[in-house]
Amino acid sequence: MATAVKVSDELFEKAKTKSKVYKRSIAGQIEYWAKIGQLIEENPDLPLSFIQDILEGKEQIKAGQGCQIDLSTSRHRGCQNRGFTGCPGI
């Protein structure tokens, strides 16, 4: 469910510019910033670049461009089923 939220003109203009660069809607850009901010607050010891890499990896997996690795066992899941040959676990 969408909810209207007031933001400053400055934030809106910054989001408008960035949304064009990253091919997002203005609302999508603000949501992305909010998600990043939330993740940084929840994981203060992780660098921003690491968090961004994790988010990118999750999207790649959703798009069938990679495989999941269970860090507790180092097992790769889904690589063979997707025909992904770049996985070191194959």
N, C-alpha and C. Protein backbone atom coordinates (compact mmCIF):
# COMPACT_ATOMS: atom_id res chain seq x y z
N MET A 1 0.84 -1.17 0.00
CA MET A 1 0.00 0.00 0.00
C MET A 1 0.89 1.24 0.00
N ALA A 2 0.65 2.14 -0.92
CA ALA A 2 1.42 3.38 -1.01
C ALA A 2 0.86 4.41 -0.03
N THR A 3 1.77 5.18 0.54
CA THR A 3 1.39 6.25 1.46
C THR A 3 2.13 7.52 1.06
N ALA A 4 1.45 8.62 1.00
CA ALA A 4 2.08 9.89 0.67
C ALA A 4 2.90 10.38 1.85
N VAL A 5 4.11 10.84 1.57
CA VAL A 5 5.00 11.36 2.61
C VAL A 5 5.58 12.68 2.10
N LYS A 6 5.61 13.68 2.94
CA LYS A 6 6.21 14.95 2.56
C LYS A 6 7.71 14.89 2.80
N VAL A 7 8.47 15.35 1.82
CA VAL A 7 9.92 15.44 1.96
C VAL A 7 10.33 16.86 1.58
N SER A 8 11.51 17.24 1.98
CA SER A 8 11.99 18.59 1.67
C SER A 8 12.21 18.71 0.16
N ASP A 9 12.16 19.94 -0.32
CA ASP A 9 12.43 20.20 -1.74
C ASP A 9 13.84 19.76 -2.11
N GLU A 10 14.77 19.97 -1.18
CA GLU A 10 16.17 19.60 -1.43
C GLU A 10 16.31 18.08 -1.63
N LEU A 11 15.68 17.30 -0.76
CA LEU A 11 15.74 15.84 -0.90
C LEU A 11 15.06 15.41 -2.19
N PHE A 12 13.94 16.01 -2.51
CA PHE A 12 13.23 15.67 -3.73
C PHE A 12 14.11 15.92 -4.96
N GLU A 13 14.77 17.07 -5.01
CA GLU A 13 15.62 17.41 -6.16
C GLU A 13 16.83 16.47 -6.27
N LYS A 14 17.42 16.12 -5.13
CA LYS A 14 18.55 15.18 -5.15
C LYS A 14 18.08 13.81 -5.64
N ALA A 15 16.92 13.38 -5.16
CA ALA A 15 16.38 12.08 -5.58
C ALA A 15 16.02 12.10 -7.06
N LYS A 16 15.51 13.22 -7.53
CA LYS A 16 15.16 13.35 -8.94
C LYS A 16 16.39 13.18 -9.83
N THR A 17 17.49 13.80 -9.43
CA THR A 17 18.74 13.68 -10.20
C THR A 17 19.28 12.26 -10.16
N LYS A 18 19.39 11.69 -8.96
CA LYS A 18 19.93 10.33 -8.83
C LYS A 18 19.03 9.30 -9.50
N SER A 19 17.72 9.52 -9.46
CA SER A 19 16.80 8.55 -10.06
C SER A 19 17.02 8.44 -11.56
N LYS A 20 17.41 9.53 -12.19
CA LYS A 20 17.70 9.50 -13.63
C LYS A 20 18.97 8.71 -13.90
N VAL A 21 19.96 8.89 -13.06
CA VAL A 21 21.23 8.18 -13.23
C VAL A 21 21.05 6.68 -13.10
N TYR A 22 20.27 6.25 -12.10
CA TYR A 22 20.12 4.83 -11.81
C TYR A 22 18.84 4.22 -12.36
N LYS A 23 18.13 4.98 -13.19
CA LYS A 23 16.92 4.48 -13.87
C LYS A 23 15.88 3.99 -12.87
N ARG A 24 15.68 4.78 -11.81
CA ARG A 24 14.65 4.49 -10.82
C ARG A 24 13.62 5.61 -10.85
N SER A 25 12.46 5.34 -10.32
CA SER A 25 11.51 6.43 -10.09
C SER A 25 12.04 7.26 -8.92
N ILE A 26 11.50 8.45 -8.76
CA ILE A 26 11.92 9.28 -7.63
C ILE A 26 11.58 8.58 -6.32
N ALA A 27 10.38 8.01 -6.25
CA ALA A 27 9.99 7.27 -5.05
C ALA A 27 10.91 6.06 -4.85
N GLY A 28 11.26 5.40 -5.92
CA GLY A 28 12.16 4.24 -5.84
C GLY A 28 13.53 4.63 -5.32
N GLN A 29 14.01 5.81 -5.73
CA GLN A 29 15.31 6.28 -5.24
C GLN A 29 15.26 6.57 -3.75
N ILE A 30 14.20 7.23 -3.31
CA ILE A 30 14.07 7.53 -1.88
C ILE A 30 13.91 6.25 -1.08
N GLU A 31 13.16 5.28 -1.61
CA GLU A 31 13.03 3.98 -0.93
C GLU A 31 14.39 3.27 -0.84
N TYR A 32 15.19 3.37 -1.91
CA TYR A 32 16.53 2.76 -1.90
C TYR A 32 17.38 3.40 -0.81
N TRP A 33 17.37 4.72 -0.74
CA TRP A 33 18.14 5.41 0.30
C TRP A 33 17.66 5.02 1.69
N ALA A 34 16.35 4.89 1.85
CA ALA A 34 15.81 4.49 3.15
C ALA A 34 16.26 3.07 3.51
N LYS A 35 16.25 2.17 2.54
CA LYS A 35 16.67 0.78 2.78
C LYS A 35 18.15 0.74 3.17
N ILE A 36 18.98 1.47 2.43
CA ILE A 36 20.41 1.53 2.74
C ILE A 36 20.62 2.08 4.15
N GLY A 37 19.93 3.16 4.47
CA GLY A 37 20.05 3.76 5.80
C GLY A 37 19.64 2.79 6.90
N GLN A 38 18.56 2.07 6.67
CA GLN A 38 18.10 1.07 7.63
C GLN A 38 19.15 -0.02 7.83
N LEU A 39 19.71 -0.52 6.72
CA LEU A 39 20.71 -1.58 6.82
C LEU A 39 21.98 -1.10 7.51
N ILE A 40 22.36 0.14 7.26
CA ILE A 40 23.55 0.69 7.93
C ILE A 40 23.32 0.82 9.43
N GLU A 41 22.13 1.28 9.81
CA GLU A 41 21.82 1.38 11.25
C GLU A 41 21.81 0.01 11.91
N GLU A 42 21.30 -1.00 11.20
CA GLU A 42 21.21 -2.35 11.76
C GLU A 42 22.55 -3.07 11.74
N ASN A 43 23.49 -2.63 10.91
CA ASN A 43 24.79 -3.29 10.75
C ASN A 43 25.90 -2.25 10.74
N PRO A 44 26.11 -1.55 11.85
CA PRO A 44 27.06 -0.43 11.85
C PRO A 44 28.51 -0.83 11.58
N ASP A 45 28.85 -2.09 11.74
CA ASP A 45 30.23 -2.52 11.52
C ASP A 45 30.52 -2.86 10.05
N LEU A 46 29.48 -2.91 9.20
CA LEU A 46 29.68 -3.26 7.80
C LEU A 46 29.84 -2.00 6.96
N PRO A 47 30.82 -1.99 6.05
CA PRO A 47 30.97 -0.83 5.17
C PRO A 47 29.82 -0.76 4.15
N LEU A 48 29.51 0.44 3.71
CA LEU A 48 28.44 0.65 2.74
C LEU A 48 28.65 -0.19 1.49
N SER A 49 29.88 -0.25 0.98
CA SER A 49 30.14 -1.01 -0.24
C SER A 49 29.80 -2.49 -0.06
N PHE A 50 30.03 -3.04 1.11
CA PHE A 50 29.70 -4.44 1.39
C PHE A 50 28.19 -4.65 1.37
N ILE A 51 27.46 -3.73 1.99
CA ILE A 51 26.00 -3.81 2.00
C ILE A 51 25.46 -3.71 0.59
N GLN A 52 26.01 -2.79 -0.22
CA GLN A 52 25.57 -2.65 -1.60
C GLN A 52 25.86 -3.91 -2.41
N ASP A 53 27.01 -4.54 -2.17
CA ASP A 53 27.34 -5.79 -2.86
C ASP A 53 26.35 -6.90 -2.50
N ILE A 54 25.95 -6.96 -1.24
CA ILE A 54 24.98 -7.97 -0.82
C ILE A 54 23.64 -7.74 -1.51
N LEU A 55 23.19 -6.49 -1.56
CA LEU A 55 21.92 -6.18 -2.23
C LEU A 55 22.00 -6.51 -3.72
N GLU A 56 23.12 -6.21 -4.34
CA GLU A 56 23.30 -6.54 -5.76
C GLU A 56 23.28 -8.05 -5.97
N GLY A 57 23.95 -8.78 -5.09
CA GLY A 57 23.97 -10.25 -5.18
C GLY A 57 22.59 -10.85 -5.03
N LYS A 58 21.79 -10.29 -4.11
CA LYS A 58 20.42 -10.79 -3.93
C LYS A 58 19.61 -10.59 -5.20
N GLU A 59 19.78 -9.45 -5.86
CA GLU A 59 19.05 -9.20 -7.10
C GLU A 59 19.54 -10.11 -8.23
N GLN A 60 20.83 -10.40 -8.26
CA GLN A 60 21.37 -11.32 -9.26
C GLN A 60 20.79 -12.72 -9.08
N ILE A 61 20.67 -13.15 -7.84
CA ILE A 61 20.10 -14.47 -7.57
C ILE A 61 18.65 -14.51 -8.00
N LYS A 62 17.89 -13.45 -7.69
CA LYS A 62 16.49 -13.39 -8.11
C LYS A 62 16.36 -13.47 -9.63
N ALA A 63 17.34 -12.88 -10.34
CA ALA A 63 17.31 -12.86 -11.80
C ALA A 63 17.92 -14.12 -12.41
N GLY A 64 18.33 -15.07 -11.56
CA GLY A 64 18.91 -16.32 -12.06
C GLY A 64 20.33 -16.17 -12.57
N GLN A 65 21.04 -15.17 -12.10
CA GLN A 65 22.40 -14.91 -12.58
C GLN A 65 23.47 -15.36 -11.60
N GLY A 66 23.14 -16.15 -10.64
CA GLY A 66 24.13 -16.57 -9.66
C GLY A 66 23.59 -17.69 -8.82
N CYS A 67 24.29 -18.00 -7.76
CA CYS A 67 23.84 -19.05 -6.87
C CYS A 67 24.02 -18.60 -5.42
N GLN A 68 23.30 -19.24 -4.56
CA GLN A 68 23.39 -18.93 -3.14
C GLN A 68 24.48 -19.79 -2.50
N ILE A 69 25.16 -19.21 -1.54
CA ILE A 69 26.18 -19.95 -0.79
C ILE A 69 25.77 -19.93 0.67
N ASP A 70 25.63 -21.10 1.25
CA ASP A 70 25.33 -21.21 2.67
C ASP A 70 26.65 -21.04 3.41
N LEU A 71 26.83 -19.90 4.07
CA LEU A 71 28.12 -19.60 4.70
C LEU A 71 28.45 -20.53 5.86
N SER A 72 27.45 -21.17 6.45
CA SER A 72 27.73 -22.08 7.56
C SER A 72 28.32 -23.40 7.07
N THR A 73 28.04 -23.76 5.82
CA THR A 73 28.54 -25.03 5.28
C THR A 73 29.40 -24.85 4.03
N SER A 74 29.44 -23.64 3.49
CA SER A 74 30.13 -23.33 2.23
C SER A 74 29.57 -24.11 1.05
N ARG A 75 28.31 -24.54 1.15
CA ARG A 75 27.69 -25.25 0.04
C ARG A 75 26.99 -24.27 -0.88
N HIS A 76 27.09 -24.56 -2.15
CA HIS A 76 26.47 -23.73 -3.19
C HIS A 76 25.13 -24.36 -3.55
N ARG A 77 24.11 -23.50 -3.67
CA ARG A 77 22.78 -24.00 -3.99
C ARG A 77 22.28 -23.34 -5.26
N GLY A 78 21.76 -24.14 -6.16
CA GLY A 78 21.10 -23.62 -7.34
C GLY A 78 21.98 -23.36 -8.53
N CYS A 79 23.29 -23.51 -8.40
CA CYS A 79 24.18 -23.20 -9.52
C CYS A 79 23.96 -24.12 -10.71
N GLN A 80 23.94 -25.40 -10.45
CA GLN A 80 23.79 -26.36 -11.53
C GLN A 80 22.42 -26.25 -12.19
N ASN A 81 21.39 -26.03 -11.39
CA ASN A 81 20.04 -25.95 -11.93
C ASN A 81 19.86 -24.77 -12.87
N ARG A 82 20.63 -23.73 -12.69
CA ARG A 82 20.50 -22.55 -13.53
C ARG A 82 21.52 -22.55 -14.67
N GLY A 83 22.39 -23.54 -14.71
CA GLY A 83 23.41 -23.57 -15.73
C GLY A 83 24.48 -22.53 -15.53
N PHE A 84 24.62 -22.04 -14.32
CA PHE A 84 25.60 -21.01 -14.01
C PHE A 84 26.95 -21.68 -13.83
N THR A 85 27.88 -21.40 -14.74
CA THR A 85 29.17 -22.08 -14.71
C THR A 85 30.26 -21.23 -14.06
N GLY A 86 29.95 -19.99 -13.69
CA GLY A 86 30.96 -19.13 -13.08
C GLY A 86 31.13 -19.38 -11.59
N CYS A 87 30.38 -20.30 -11.04
CA CYS A 87 30.43 -20.57 -9.61
C CYS A 87 31.61 -21.46 -9.28
N PRO A 88 32.44 -21.06 -8.32
CA PRO A 88 33.59 -21.89 -7.94
C PRO A 88 33.19 -23.19 -7.25
N GLY A 89 31.93 -23.31 -6.87
CA GLY A 89 31.48 -24.52 -6.19
C GLY A 89 31.11 -25.64 -7.14
N ILE A 90 31.14 -25.38 -8.44
CA ILE A 90 30.78 -26.42 -9.41
C ILE A 90 32.00 -27.20 -9.81
